Amino acid sequence: MGKISLKQVTKSFGDVTVIPALDLDIEDGEFVVFVGPSGCGKSTLLRLIAGLEDVSSGAIEIDGVNATEAPPSKRRLAMVFQSYALYPHMTVRKNIAFPLKMAGIAPDEQERKVQAAAKVLNLTNYLDRKPGQLSGGQRQRVAIGRAIVREPAAFLFDEPLSNLDAALRVNMRLEITELHHSLKTTMVYVTHDQVEAMTMADKIVVLNAGRIEQVGSPLDLYRSPRNLFVAGFIGSPRMNFLTGPAAAAHDATTIGVRPEHLTLSRSEGLWPGRVTVSEHLGSDTFLHVNAGDLGTLTVRADGEVDARHGDSIFLTPQTGKIHRFDANGKAIA
């Protein structure tokens, strides 16, 4: 079991409140991602769950038991950090087995659990190597293996892929997602990368200045952002926002249109403009279009679209794909 409940949890450093009172339920077996810009409180919130930071007020329950005052070692949680925190003088086998050794587990049982974790993580052939002989991705898998052997109620990941290059990030993203499906254990994952959040999560928690802006599935947040902050943060490239007469025509203070929901034409359309930058990425082309009083709009088009700097084009938002927001930045149903 691995249900985690936060009830009116707050965190303050002196007179500065970094986590105002919040409530959150993480269900057993869920993959939940905390996402938000730097300084939004996502890592602090994870550390509160782990017991690495003291809660200023409120309660944290793990499987219905109040764990607010429990030390990290008693919470049955395993944390995987951004830094791998491996012992360089130990082999992979000894690194993975270390928490078992500290817990006084018999050597033969240690070996059984190490072998099982190594098999899941494709590390069997590397057990006798030392961390310095491994790639970044392999070292991260060793750190995950050390967490797996503890058989925790939940795994806590604090930006575990930040030190990897782009290709390895994609591979490890897939491996962690597959690991979740295999273990069926609760996972709470912190990242500033909304692409990681969208591709990995069962449920995303969007944080801003310590507050929860919205909780939902990746598609829920993409299709129905609750406010301007969520609308601008979820989706890549980010949503286009328009004010003035264009928004007033839809009885809103601001309207938003995602780049992929703008239709491009050479001959006719709602908003005329001129291409300023054309980014060809193979499968997609991102066009940055000067649309006069509307400002610069980003369009996601087919990868082979022939549009260049200075070209005149017309843009039309797709029917039913315009998001409306009021003067307080809240979505209008």
C-alpha atoms as a PDB file:
ATOM      1  CA  MET A   1       0.000   0.000   0.000  1.00  0.00           C
ATOM      2  CA  GLY A   2       1.158   3.528  -0.662  1.00  0.00           C
ATOM      3  CA  LYS A   3      -1.575   6.124  -0.203  1.00  0.00           C
ATOM      4  CA  ILE A   4      -0.258   9.522   0.882  1.00  0.00           C
ATOM      5  CA  SER A   5      -2.548  12.275   2.194  1.00  0.00           C
ATOM      6  CA  LEU A   6      -1.550  15.852   2.951  1.00  0.00           C
ATOM      7  CA  LYS A   7      -3.996  17.704   5.164  1.00  0.00           C
ATOM      8  CA  GLN A   8      -3.635  21.478   5.511  1.00  0.00           C
ATOM      9  CA  VAL A   9       0.143  21.098   5.295  1.00  0.00           C
ATOM     10  CA  THR A  10       2.193  24.291   5.517  1.00  0.00           C
ATOM     11  CA  LYS A  11       5.900  25.085   5.539  1.00  0.00           C
ATOM     12  CA  SER A  12       7.515  28.303   6.679  1.00  0.00           C
ATOM     13  CA  PHE A  13      11.124  29.394   7.060  1.00  0.00           C
ATOM     14  CA  GLY A  14      10.983  32.059   9.747  1.00  0.00           C
ATOM     15  CA  ASP A  15       8.444  34.643   8.634  1.00  0.00           C
ATOM     16  CA  VAL A  16       8.454  33.394   5.037  1.00  0.00           C
ATOM     17  CA  THR A  17       5.730  30.924   4.086  1.00  0.00           C
ATOM     18  CA  VAL A  18       6.844  28.792   1.126  1.00  0.00           C
ATOM     19  CA  ILE A  19       3.974  26.288   1.252  1.00  0.00           C
ATOM     20  CA  PRO A  20       0.614  27.826   2.219  1.00  0.00           C
ATOM     21  CA  ALA A  21      -1.968  25.384   3.591  1.00  0.00           C
ATOM     22  CA  LEU A  22      -2.707  22.692   1.014  1.00  0.00           C
ATOM     23  CA  ASP A  23      -4.568  19.409   0.764  1.00  0.00           C
ATOM     24  CA  LEU A  24      -3.593  16.589  -1.570  1.00  0.00           C
ATOM     25  CA  ASP A  25      -4.385  12.883  -1.897  1.00  0.00           C
ATOM     26  CA  ILE A  26      -1.988  10.552  -3.730  1.00  0.00           C
ATOM     27  CA  GLU A  27      -3.674   7.205  -4.284  1.00  0.00           C
ATOM     28  CA  ASP A  28      -1.999   3.841  -3.923  1.00  0.00           C
ATOM     29  CA  GLY A  29      -0.175   2.909  -7.127  1.00  0.00           C
ATOM     30  CA  GLU A  30      -0.473   6.335  -8.774  1.00  0.00           C
ATOM     31  CA  PHE A  31       2.337   8.052 -10.670  1.00  0.00           C
ATOM     32  CA  VAL A  32       1.999  11.661  -9.519  1.00  0.00           C
ATOM     33  CA  VAL A  33       4.188  14.454 -10.872  1.00  0.00           C
ATOM     34  CA  PHE A  34       4.775  17.776  -9.113  1.00  0.00           C
ATOM     35  CA  VAL A  35       5.546  20.345 -11.789  1.00  0.00           C
ATOM     36  CA  GLY A  36       6.112  24.073 -11.826  1.00  0.00           C
ATOM     37  CA  PRO A  37       8.762  26.750 -12.381  1.00  0.00           C
ATOM     38  CA  SER A  38      11.887  27.062 -10.255  1.00  0.00           C
ATOM     39  CA  GLY A  39      11.083  28.169  -6.732  1.00  0.00           C
ATOM     40  CA  CYS A  40       7.447  27.003  -6.832  1.00  0.00           C
ATOM     41  CA  GLY A  41       7.896  24.682  -3.831  1.00  0.00           C
ATOM     42  CA  LYS A  42       7.753  21.297  -5.542  1.00  0.00           C
ATOM     43  CA  SER A  43      11.012  19.941  -4.075  1.00  0.00           C
ATOM     44  CA  THR A  44      10.142  21.355  -0.650  1.00  0.00           C
ATOM     45  CA  LEU A  45       6.792  19.558  -0.791  1.00  0.00           C
ATOM     46  CA  LEU A  46       8.524  16.291  -1.698  1.00  0.00           C
ATOM     47  CA  ARG A  47      10.974  16.719   1.190  1.00  0.00           C
ATOM     48  CA  LEU A  48       8.059  17.287   3.576  1.00  0.00           C
ATOM     49  CA  ILE A  49       6.556  13.971   2.461  1.00  0.00           C
ATOM     50  CA  ALA A  50       9.938  12.266   2.844  1.00  0.00           C
ATOM     51  CA  GLY A  51      10.461  13.712   6.326  1.00  0.00           C
ATOM     52  CA  LEU A  52      13.596  15.599   5.304  1.00  0.00           C
ATOM     53  CA  GLU A  53      11.865  18.872   6.222  1.00  0.00           C
ATOM     54  CA  ASP A  54       9.642  19.463   9.247  1.00  0.00           C
ATOM     55  CA  VAL A  55       6.011  20.396   8.631  1.00  0.00           C
ATOM     56  CA  SER A  56       5.126  23.798  10.113  1.00  0.00           C
ATOM     57  CA  SER A  57       1.486  22.799  10.530  1.00  0.00           C
ATOM     58  CA  GLY A  58      -0.950  20.224   9.203  1.00  0.00           C
ATOM     59  CA  ALA A  59      -0.590  16.462   8.880  1.00  0.00           C
ATOM     60  CA  ILE A  60       0.900  13.890   6.513  1.00  0.00           C
ATOM     61  CA  GLU A  61      -0.678  10.443   6.511  1.00  0.00           C
ATOM     62  CA  ILE A  62       0.796   7.347   4.865  1.00  0.00           C
ATOM     63  CA  ASP A  63      -1.711   4.523   4.453  1.00  0.00           C
ATOM     64  CA  GLY A  64      -3.977   6.171   7.002  1.00  0.00           C
ATOM     65  CA  VAL A  65      -1.277   6.479   9.678  1.00  0.00           C
ATOM     66  CA  ASN A  66      -0.162   9.931  10.831  1.00  0.00           C
ATOM     67  CA  ALA A  67       3.513  10.163   9.846  1.00  0.00           C
ATOM     68  CA  THR A  68       3.956  13.896  10.433  1.00  0.00           C
ATOM     69  CA  GLU A  69       6.450  13.431  13.248  1.00  0.00           C
ATOM     70  CA  ALA A  70       7.939  10.157  12.018  1.00  0.00           C
ATOM     71  CA  PRO A  71      11.617  10.200  10.962  1.00  0.00           C
ATOM     72  CA  PRO A  72      12.400   9.402   7.297  1.00  0.00           C
ATOM     73  CA  SER A  73      13.537   5.875   8.177  1.00  0.00           C
ATOM     74  CA  LYS A  74      10.106   5.029   9.596  1.00  0.00           C
ATOM     75  CA  ARG A  75       7.997   6.287   6.683  1.00  0.00           C
ATOM     76  CA  ARG A  76       8.613   3.323   4.323  1.00  0.00           C
ATOM     77  CA  LEU A  77       9.489   5.734   1.524  1.00  0.00           C
ATOM     78  CA  ALA A  78      12.488   5.543  -0.813  1.00  0.00           C
ATOM     79  CA  MET A  79      13.930   8.716  -2.299  1.00  0.00           C
ATOM     80  CA  VAL A  80      15.917   9.021  -5.536  1.00  0.00           C
ATOM     81  CA  PHE A  81      17.814  12.290  -5.806  1.00  0.00           C
ATOM     82  CA  GLN A  82      19.079  14.400  -8.696  1.00  0.00           C
ATOM     83  CA  SER A  83      22.610  13.450  -7.636  1.00  0.00           C
ATOM     84  CA  TYR A  84      23.034   9.691  -7.683  1.00  0.00           C
ATOM     85  CA  ALA A  85      24.680   9.644  -4.219  1.00  0.00           C
ATOM     86  CA  LEU A  86      26.495   6.381  -4.960  1.00  0.00           C
ATOM     87  CA  TYR A  87      29.549   5.177  -3.077  1.00  0.00           C
ATOM     88  CA  PRO A  88      32.383   5.347  -5.640  1.00  0.00           C
ATOM     89  CA  HIS A  89      34.538   2.723  -3.915  1.00  0.00           C
ATOM     90  CA  MET A  90      31.723   0.141  -3.867  1.00  0.00           C
ATOM     91  CA  THR A  91      30.594  -2.107  -6.693  1.00  0.00           C
ATOM     92  CA  VAL A  92      27.094  -1.803  -8.126  1.00  0.00           C
ATOM     93  CA  ARG A  93      26.134  -4.900  -6.126  1.00  0.00           C
ATOM     94  CA  LYS A  94      27.285  -3.353  -2.845  1.00  0.00           C
ATOM     95  CA  ASN A  95      25.696  -0.001  -3.637  1.00  0.00           C
ATOM     96  CA  ILE A  96      22.318  -1.603  -4.253  1.00  0.00           C
ATOM     97  CA  ALA A  97      22.654  -3.862  -1.204  1.00  0.00           C
ATOM     98  CA  PHE A  98      23.782  -1.078   1.153  1.00  0.00           C
ATOM     99  CA  PRO A  99      20.364  -0.259   2.700  1.00  0.00           C
ATOM    100  CA  LEU A 100      19.749  -3.985   3.205  1.00  0.00           C
ATOM    101  CA  LYS A 101      23.094  -4.364   4.957  1.00  0.00           C
ATOM    102  CA  MET A 102      22.279  -1.415   7.226  1.00  0.00           C
ATOM    103  CA  ALA A 103      18.946  -3.057   8.053  1.00  0.00           C
ATOM    104  CA  GLY A 104      20.697  -6.255   9.111  1.00  0.00           C
ATOM    105  CA  ILE A 105      19.269  -8.399   6.295  1.00  0.00           C
ATOM    106  CA  ALA A 106      21.002 -11.771   5.888  1.00  0.00           C
ATOM    107  CA  PRO A 107      23.624 -11.866   3.063  1.00  0.00           C
ATOM    108  CA  ASP A 108      21.795 -14.514   1.010  1.00  0.00           C
ATOM    109  CA  GLU A 109      18.558 -12.480   1.182  1.00  0.00           C
ATOM    110  CA  GLN A 110      20.513  -9.353   0.224  1.00  0.00           C
ATOM    111  CA  GLU A 111      21.848 -11.124  -2.860  1.00  0.00           C
ATOM    112  CA  ARG A 112      18.397 -12.382  -3.851  1.00  0.00           C
ATOM    113  CA  LYS A 113      16.932  -8.879  -3.694  1.00  0.00           C
ATOM    114  CA  VAL A 114      19.908  -7.337  -5.501  1.00  0.00           C
ATOM    115  CA  GLN A 115      19.620  -9.876  -8.320  1.00  0.00           C
ATOM    116  CA  ALA A 116      15.881  -9.253  -8.638  1.00  0.00           C
ATOM    117  CA  ALA A 117      16.356  -5.469  -8.801  1.00  0.00           C
ATOM    118  CA  ALA A 118      19.258  -5.794 -11.243  1.00  0.00           C
ATOM    119  CA  LYS A 119      17.112  -7.931 -13.552  1.00  0.00           C
ATOM    120  CA  VAL A 120      14.306  -5.355 -13.575  1.00  0.00           C
ATOM    121  CA  LEU A 121      16.780  -2.544 -14.305  1.00  0.00           C
ATOM    122  CA  ASN A 122      18.993  -4.410 -16.818  1.00  0.00           C
ATOM    123  CA  LEU A 123      22.004  -4.130 -14.502  1.00  0.00           C
ATOM    124  CA  THR A 124      22.806  -7.831 -14.101  1.00  0.00           C
ATOM    125  CA  ASN A 125      25.958  -7.600 -16.227  1.00  0.00           C
ATOM    126  CA  TYR A 126      27.215  -4.546 -14.328  1.00  0.00           C
ATOM    127  CA  LEU A 127      26.981  -5.757 -10.718  1.00  0.00           C
ATOM    128  CA  ASP A 128      30.752  -6.081 -10.298  1.00  0.00           C
ATOM    129  CA  ARG A 129      31.559  -2.679 -11.792  1.00  0.00           C
ATOM    130  CA  LYS A 130      32.041   0.523  -9.844  1.00  0.00           C
ATOM    131  CA  PRO A 131      30.030   3.708 -10.495  1.00  0.00           C
ATOM    132  CA  GLY A 132      32.942   5.355 -12.316  1.00  0.00           C
ATOM    133  CA  GLN A 133      32.718   2.647 -14.986  1.00  0.00           C
ATOM    134  CA  LEU A 134      29.053   3.370 -15.731  1.00  0.00           C
ATOM    135  CA  SER A 135      27.202   5.902 -17.859  1.00  0.00           C
ATOM    136  CA  GLY A 136      24.996   8.539 -16.266  1.00  0.00           C
ATOM    137  CA  GLY A 137      21.881   6.570 -17.099  1.00  0.00           C
ATOM    138  CA  GLN A 138      23.315   3.390 -15.606  1.00  0.00           C
ATOM    139  CA  ARG A 139      24.303   5.217 -12.416  1.00  0.00           C
ATOM    140  CA  GLN A 140      20.769   6.551 -12.106  1.00  0.00           C
ATOM    141  CA  ARG A 141      19.434   3.006 -12.473  1.00  0.00           C
ATOM    142  CA  VAL A 142      21.744   1.874  -9.669  1.00  0.00           C
ATOM    143  CA  ALA A 143      20.292   4.616  -7.458  1.00  0.00           C
ATOM    144  CA  ILE A 144      16.787   3.403  -8.353  1.00  0.00           C
ATOM    145  CA  GLY A 145      17.854  -0.201  -7.646  1.00  0.00           C
ATOM    146  CA  ARG A 146      18.987   0.818  -4.171  1.00  0.00           C
ATOM    147  CA  ALA A 147      15.474   2.185  -3.627  1.00  0.00           C
ATOM    148  CA  ILE A 148      13.722  -0.880  -5.094  1.00  0.00           C
ATOM    149  CA  VAL A 149      15.347  -3.394  -2.733  1.00  0.00           C
ATOM    150  CA  ARG A 150      13.835  -1.576   0.236  1.00  0.00           C
ATOM    151  CA  GLU A 151      10.353  -2.480  -1.094  1.00  0.00           C
ATOM    152  CA  PRO A 152       8.954   0.914  -0.088  1.00  0.00           C
ATOM    153  CA  ALA A 153       5.335   2.017   0.116  1.00  0.00           C
ATOM    154  CA  ALA A 154       6.231   4.765  -2.379  1.00  0.00           C
ATOM    155  CA  PHE A 155       9.148   6.085  -4.411  1.00  0.00           C
ATOM    156  CA  LEU A 156       9.991   9.792  -4.291  1.00  0.00           C
ATOM    157  CA  PHE A 157      11.967  11.162  -7.259  1.00  0.00           C
ATOM    158  CA  ASP A 158      13.542  14.631  -7.032  1.00  0.00           C
ATOM    159  CA  GLU A 159      14.392  15.734 -10.596  1.00  0.00           C
ATOM    160  CA  PRO A 160      16.266  12.461 -11.221  1.00  0.00           C
ATOM    161  CA  LEU A 161      16.994  13.126 -14.898  1.00  0.00           C
ATOM    162  CA  SER A 162      18.396  16.653 -14.665  1.00  0.00           C
ATOM    163  CA  ASN A 163      22.033  15.524 -14.972  1.00  0.00           C
ATOM    164  CA  LEU A 164      21.461  13.485 -18.147  1.00  0.00           C
ATOM    165  CA  ASP A 165      21.778  14.575 -21.764  1.00  0.00           C
ATOM    166  CA  ALA A 166      18.670  14.822 -23.957  1.00  0.00           C
ATOM    167  CA  ALA A 167      18.827  11.306 -25.424  1.00  0.00           C
ATOM    168  CA  LEU A 168      19.410   9.672 -22.037  1.00  0.00           C
ATOM    169  CA  ARG A 169      16.578  11.694 -20.510  1.00  0.00           C
ATOM    170  CA  VAL A 170      14.157  10.226 -23.040  1.00  0.00           C
ATOM    171  CA  ASN A 171      15.422   6.680 -22.425  1.00  0.00           C
ATOM    172  CA  MET A 172      15.267   7.014 -18.637  1.00  0.00           C
ATOM    173  CA  ARG A 173      11.817   8.575 -18.865  1.00  0.00           C
ATOM    174  CA  LEU A 174      10.611   5.456 -20.654  1.00  0.00           C
ATOM    175  CA  GLU A 175      12.425   3.147 -18.227  1.00  0.00           C
ATOM    176  CA  ILE A 176      10.940   4.796 -15.127  1.00  0.00           C
ATOM    177  CA  THR A 177       7.457   4.691 -16.674  1.00  0.00           C
ATOM    178  CA  GLU A 178       7.868   0.990 -17.499  1.00  0.00           C
ATOM    179  CA  LEU A 179       9.201   0.388 -13.990  1.00  0.00           C
ATOM    180  CA  HIS A 180       6.050   1.917 -12.534  1.00  0.00           C
ATOM    181  CA  HIS A 181       3.864  -0.374 -14.623  1.00  0.00           C
ATOM    182  CA  SER A 182       5.968  -3.331 -13.519  1.00  0.00           C
ATOM    183  CA  LEU A 183       6.129  -2.579  -9.785  1.00  0.00           C
ATOM    184  CA  LYS A 184       2.684  -0.978  -9.474  1.00  0.00           C
ATOM    185  CA  THR A 185       4.068   1.065  -6.570  1.00  0.00           C
ATOM    186  CA  THR A 186       3.160   4.677  -5.803  1.00  0.00           C
ATOM    187  CA  MET A 187       5.618   7.125  -7.350  1.00  0.00           C
ATOM    188  CA  VAL A 188       5.862  10.858  -6.659  1.00  0.00           C
ATOM    189  CA  TYR A 189       8.097  12.657  -9.138  1.00  0.00           C
ATOM    190  CA  VAL A 190       9.335  16.258  -9.138  1.00  0.00           C
ATOM    191  CA  THR A 191      10.334  18.036 -12.343  1.00  0.00           C
ATOM    192  CA  HIS A 192      10.371  21.518 -13.864  1.00  0.00           C
ATOM    193  CA  ASP A 193       9.988  19.914 -17.314  1.00  0.00           C
ATOM    194  CA  GLN A 194       6.330  19.864 -18.308  1.00  0.00           C
ATOM    195  CA  VAL A 195       7.111  17.411 -21.141  1.00  0.00           C
ATOM    196  CA  GLU A 196       8.260  14.879 -18.513  1.00  0.00           C
ATOM    197  CA  ALA A 197       5.101  15.578 -16.553  1.00  0.00           C
ATOM    198  CA  MET A 198       2.814  15.128 -19.559  1.00  0.00           C
ATOM    199  CA  THR A 199       4.433  11.907 -20.743  1.00  0.00           C
ATOM    200  CA  MET A 200       4.909  10.131 -17.398  1.00  0.00           C
ATOM    201  CA  ALA A 201       2.119  11.094 -15.017  1.00  0.00           C
ATOM    202  CA  ASP A 202      -1.188   9.520 -14.122  1.00  0.00           C
ATOM    203  CA  LYS A 203      -1.874  12.752 -12.263  1.00  0.00           C
ATOM    204  CA  ILE A 204      -0.128  16.125 -12.454  1.00  0.00           C
ATOM    205  CA  VAL A 205       0.013  18.634  -9.603  1.00  0.00           C
ATOM    206  CA  VAL A 206       0.799  22.110 -10.965  1.00  0.00           C
ATOM    207  CA  LEU A 207       2.435  24.309  -8.320  1.00  0.00           C
ATOM    208  CA  ASN A 208       2.946  28.054  -8.287  1.00  0.00           C
ATOM    209  CA  ALA A 209       4.469  29.903  -5.320  1.00  0.00           C
ATOM    210  CA  GLY A 210       3.740  26.913  -3.090  1.00  0.00           C
ATOM    211  CA  ARG A 211       0.063  26.779  -4.050  1.00  0.00           C
ATOM    212  CA  ILE A 212      -1.650  24.042  -6.020  1.00  0.00           C
ATOM    213  CA  GLU A 213      -3.051  25.653  -9.161  1.00  0.00           C
ATOM    214  CA  GLN A 214      -4.632  22.499 -10.568  1.00  0.00           C
ATOM    215  CA  VAL A 215      -4.603  18.720 -10.170  1.00  0.00           C
ATOM    216  CA  GLY A 216      -5.614  16.357 -12.955  1.00  0.00           C
ATOM    217  CA  SER A 217      -4.563  13.969 -15.681  1.00  0.00           C
ATOM    218  CA  PRO A 218      -2.229  15.302 -18.374  1.00  0.00           C
ATOM    219  CA  LEU A 219      -5.092  15.536 -20.888  1.00  0.00           C
ATOM    220  CA  ASP A 220      -7.382  17.208 -18.345  1.00  0.00           C
ATOM    221  CA  LEU A 221      -4.832  19.966 -17.814  1.00  0.00           C
ATOM    222  CA  TYR A 222      -4.142  20.276 -21.536  1.00  0.00           C
ATOM    223  CA  ARG A 223      -7.793  20.433 -22.544  1.00  0.00           C
ATOM    224  CA  SER A 224      -9.234  22.343 -19.597  1.00  0.00           C
ATOM    225  CA  PRO A 225      -6.672  24.521 -17.810  1.00  0.00           C
ATOM    226  CA  ARG A 226      -8.228  26.196 -14.787  1.00  0.00           C
ATOM    227  CA  ASN A 227      -6.424  29.510 -15.206  1.00  0.00           C
ATOM    228  CA  LEU A 228      -3.873  31.455 -17.217  1.00  0.00           C
ATOM    229  CA  PHE A 229      -0.933  30.057 -15.262  1.00  0.00           C
ATOM    230  CA  VAL A 230      -1.783  26.425 -15.997  1.00  0.00           C
ATOM    231  CA  ALA A 231      -2.706  27.242 -19.590  1.00  0.00           C
ATOM    232  CA  GLY A 232       0.665  28.894 -20.145  1.00  0.00           C
ATOM    233  CA  PHE A 233       2.696  26.239 -18.352  1.00  0.00           C
ATOM    234  CA  ILE A 234       1.187  23.057 -19.804  1.00  0.00           C
ATOM    235  CA  GLY A 235       1.830  22.553 -23.506  1.00  0.00           C
ATOM    236  CA  SER A 236       4.894  23.019 -25.682  1.00  0.00           C
ATOM    237  CA  PRO A 237       5.207  25.450 -27.401  1.00  0.00           C
ATOM    238  CA  ARG A 238       3.188  27.454 -24.878  1.00  0.00           C
ATOM    239  CA  MET A 239      -0.310  28.716 -25.558  1.00  0.00           C
ATOM    240  CA  ASN A 240      -0.789  32.022 -27.420  1.00  0.00           C
ATOM    241  CA  PHE A 241      -2.627  34.650 -25.368  1.00  0.00           C
ATOM    242  CA  LEU A 242      -4.562  37.530 -26.898  1.00  0.00           C
ATOM    243  CA  THR A 243      -6.282  40.497 -25.263  1.00  0.00           C
ATOM    244  CA  GLY A 244      -8.142  43.543 -26.561  1.00  0.00           C
ATOM    245  CA  PRO A 245     -10.774  43.324 -29.312  1.00  0.00           C
ATOM    246  CA  ALA A 246      -9.841  39.722 -30.226  1.00  0.00           C
ATOM    247  CA  ALA A 247     -10.699  38.607 -26.677  1.00  0.00           C
ATOM    248  CA  ALA A 248     -13.712  40.928 -26.341  1.00  0.00           C
ATOM    249  CA  ALA A 249     -15.224  39.283 -29.441  1.00  0.00           C
ATOM    250  CA  HIS A 250     -15.391  36.108 -27.331  1.00  0.00           C
ATOM    251  CA  ASP A 251     -16.710  37.896 -24.240  1.00  0.00           C
ATOM    252  CA  ALA A 252     -13.427  37.413 -22.384  1.00  0.00           C
ATOM    253  CA  THR A 253     -10.555  39.500 -21.040  1.00  0.00           C
ATOM    254  CA  THR A 254      -7.999  37.092 -22.506  1.00  0.00           C
ATOM    255  CA  ILE A 255      -8.293  34.245 -24.959  1.00  0.00           C
ATOM    256  CA  GLY A 256      -5.778  31.478 -25.494  1.00  0.00           C
ATOM    257  CA  VAL A 257      -5.082  29.359 -28.553  1.00  0.00           C
ATOM    258  CA  ARG A 258      -2.527  26.577 -28.656  1.00  0.00           C
ATOM    259  CA  PRO A 259      -0.025  26.666 -31.561  1.00  0.00           C
ATOM    260  CA  GLU A 260      -1.383  23.338 -32.869  1.00  0.00           C
ATOM    261  CA  HIS A 261      -4.927  24.765 -32.978  1.00  0.00           C
ATOM    262  CA  LEU A 262      -4.129  27.525 -35.457  1.00  0.00           C
ATOM    263  CA  THR A 263      -4.848  26.736 -39.107  1.00  0.00           C
ATOM    264  CA  LEU A 264      -2.451  28.280 -41.625  1.00  0.00           C
ATOM    265  CA  SER A 265      -3.480  29.580 -45.067  1.00  0.00           C
ATOM    266  CA  ARG A 266      -1.759  31.522 -47.818  1.00  0.00           C
ATOM    267  CA  SER A 267      -4.935  33.136 -49.145  1.00  0.00           C
ATOM    268  CA  GLU A 268      -7.516  33.743 -46.406  1.00  0.00           C
ATOM    269  CA  GLY A 269      -8.100  33.608 -42.685  1.00  0.00           C
ATOM    270  CA  LEU A 270      -9.106  35.529 -39.586  1.00  0.00           C
ATOM    271  CA  TRP A 271      -5.734  36.976 -38.602  1.00  0.00           C
ATOM    272  CA  PRO A 272      -3.236  38.164 -41.238  1.00  0.00           C
ATOM    273  CA  GLY A 273       0.436  38.102 -40.353  1.00  0.00           C
ATOM    274  CA  ARG A 274       4.005  37.806 -41.530  1.00  0.00           C
ATOM    275  CA  VAL A 275       6.456  35.023 -40.685  1.00  0.00           C
ATOM    276  CA  THR A 276       9.407  36.284 -38.654  1.00  0.00           C
ATOM    277  CA  VAL A 277      11.084  32.977 -37.725  1.00  0.00           C
ATOM    278  CA  SER A 278      10.579  29.482 -39.129  1.00  0.00           C
ATOM    279  CA  GLU A 279      11.886  26.549 -37.068  1.00  0.00           C
ATOM    280  CA  HIS A 280      11.963  23.292 -39.034  1.00  0.00           C
ATOM    281  CA  LEU A 281      12.213  20.321 -36.657  1.00  0.00           C
ATOM    282  CA  GLY A 282      11.504  17.466 -39.065  1.00  0.00           C
ATOM    283  CA  SER A 283       8.053  16.232 -38.089  1.00  0.00           C
ATOM    284  CA  ASP A 284       6.949  19.747 -37.053  1.00  0.00           C
ATOM    285  CA  THR A 285       7.608  23.315 -38.071  1.00  0.00           C
ATOM    286  CA  PHE A 286       7.148  26.117 -35.558  1.00  0.00           C
ATOM    287  CA  LEU A 287       6.324  29.452 -37.153  1.00  0.00           C
ATOM    288  CA  HIS A 288       6.579  32.711 -35.235  1.00  0.00           C
ATOM    289  CA  VAL A 289       4.200  35.144 -36.876  1.00  0.00           C
ATOM    290  CA  ASN A 290       3.939  38.912 -36.451  1.00  0.00           C
ATOM    291  CA  ALA A 291       0.166  39.421 -36.388  1.00  0.00           C
ATOM    292  CA  GLY A 292       0.186  43.204 -35.957  1.00  0.00           C
ATOM    293  CA  ASP A 293      -1.836  44.409 -32.970  1.00  0.00           C
ATOM    294  CA  LEU A 294      -2.278  40.795 -31.830  1.00  0.00           C
ATOM    295  CA  GLY A 295       1.449  40.487 -31.245  1.00  0.00           C
ATOM    296  CA  THR A 296       3.634  37.518 -32.144  1.00  0.00           C
ATOM    297  CA  LEU A 297       1.801  34.194 -32.455  1.00  0.00           C
ATOM    298  CA  THR A 298       3.388  30.744 -32.531  1.00  0.00           C
ATOM    299  CA  VAL A 299       1.982  28.187 -34.976  1.00  0.00           C
ATOM    300  CA  ARG A 300       2.680  24.466 -35.015  1.00  0.00           C
ATOM    301  CA  ALA A 301       2.516  23.289 -38.621  1.00  0.00           C
ATOM    302  CA  ASP A 302       3.447  20.251 -40.669  1.00  0.00           C
ATOM    303  CA  GLY A 303       7.166  19.549 -40.773  1.00  0.00           C
ATOM    304  CA  GLU A 304       7.362  20.076 -44.514  1.00  0.00           C
ATOM    305  CA  VAL A 305       5.423  23.335 -44.693  1.00  0.00           C
ATOM    306  CA  ASP A 306       7.222  25.779 -46.961  1.00  0.00           C
ATOM    307  CA  ALA A 307       7.063  29.031 -45.019  1.00  0.00           C
ATOM    308  CA  ARG A 308       9.995  31.384 -44.663  1.00  0.00           C
ATOM    309  CA  HIS A 309      10.954  34.672 -43.086  1.00  0.00           C
ATOM    310  CA  GLY A 310       8.849  37.494 -44.556  1.00  0.00           C
ATOM    311  CA  ASP A 311       6.090  35.295 -46.014  1.00  0.00           C
ATOM    312  CA  SER A 312       2.541  36.631 -45.662  1.00  0.00           C
ATOM    313  CA  ILE A 313       0.068  34.134 -44.201  1.00  0.00           C
ATOM    314  CA  PHE A 314      -3.353  33.998 -42.542  1.00  0.00           C
ATOM    315  CA  LEU A 315      -4.182  32.253 -39.279  1.00  0.00           C
ATOM    316  CA  THR A 316      -7.554  30.977 -38.090  1.00  0.00           C
ATOM    317  CA  PRO A 317      -8.213  29.354 -34.692  1.00  0.00           C
ATOM    318  CA  GLN A 318      -9.925  25.980 -34.890  1.00  0.00           C
ATOM    319  CA  THR A 319     -13.574  25.902 -33.858  1.00  0.00           C
ATOM    320  CA  GLY A 320     -14.043  24.949 -30.218  1.00  0.00           C
ATOM    321  CA  LYS A 321     -10.333  25.270 -29.397  1.00  0.00           C
ATOM    322  CA  ILE A 322     -10.338  28.807 -28.004  1.00  0.00           C
ATOM    323  CA  HIS A 323      -9.807  29.080 -24.228  1.00  0.00           C
ATOM    324  CA  ARG A 324     -11.447  32.058 -22.509  1.00  0.00           C
ATOM    325  CA  PHE A 325     -10.255  33.742 -19.297  1.00  0.00           C
ATOM    326  CA  ASP A 326     -11.749  36.502 -17.151  1.00  0.00           C
ATOM    327  CA  ALA A 327     -10.069  39.561 -15.638  1.00  0.00           C
ATOM    328  CA  ASN A 328      -8.759  37.438 -12.727  1.00  0.00           C
ATOM    329  CA  GLY A 329      -7.152  34.967 -15.091  1.00  0.00           C
ATOM    330  CA  LYS A 330      -9.673  32.210 -14.344  1.00  0.00           C
ATOM    331  CA  ALA A 331     -11.067  30.039 -17.110  1.00  0.00           C
ATOM    332  CA  ILE A 332     -14.568  30.829 -18.327  1.00  0.00           C
ATOM    333  CA  ALA A 333     -16.619  27.676 -18.906  1.00  0.00           C
END
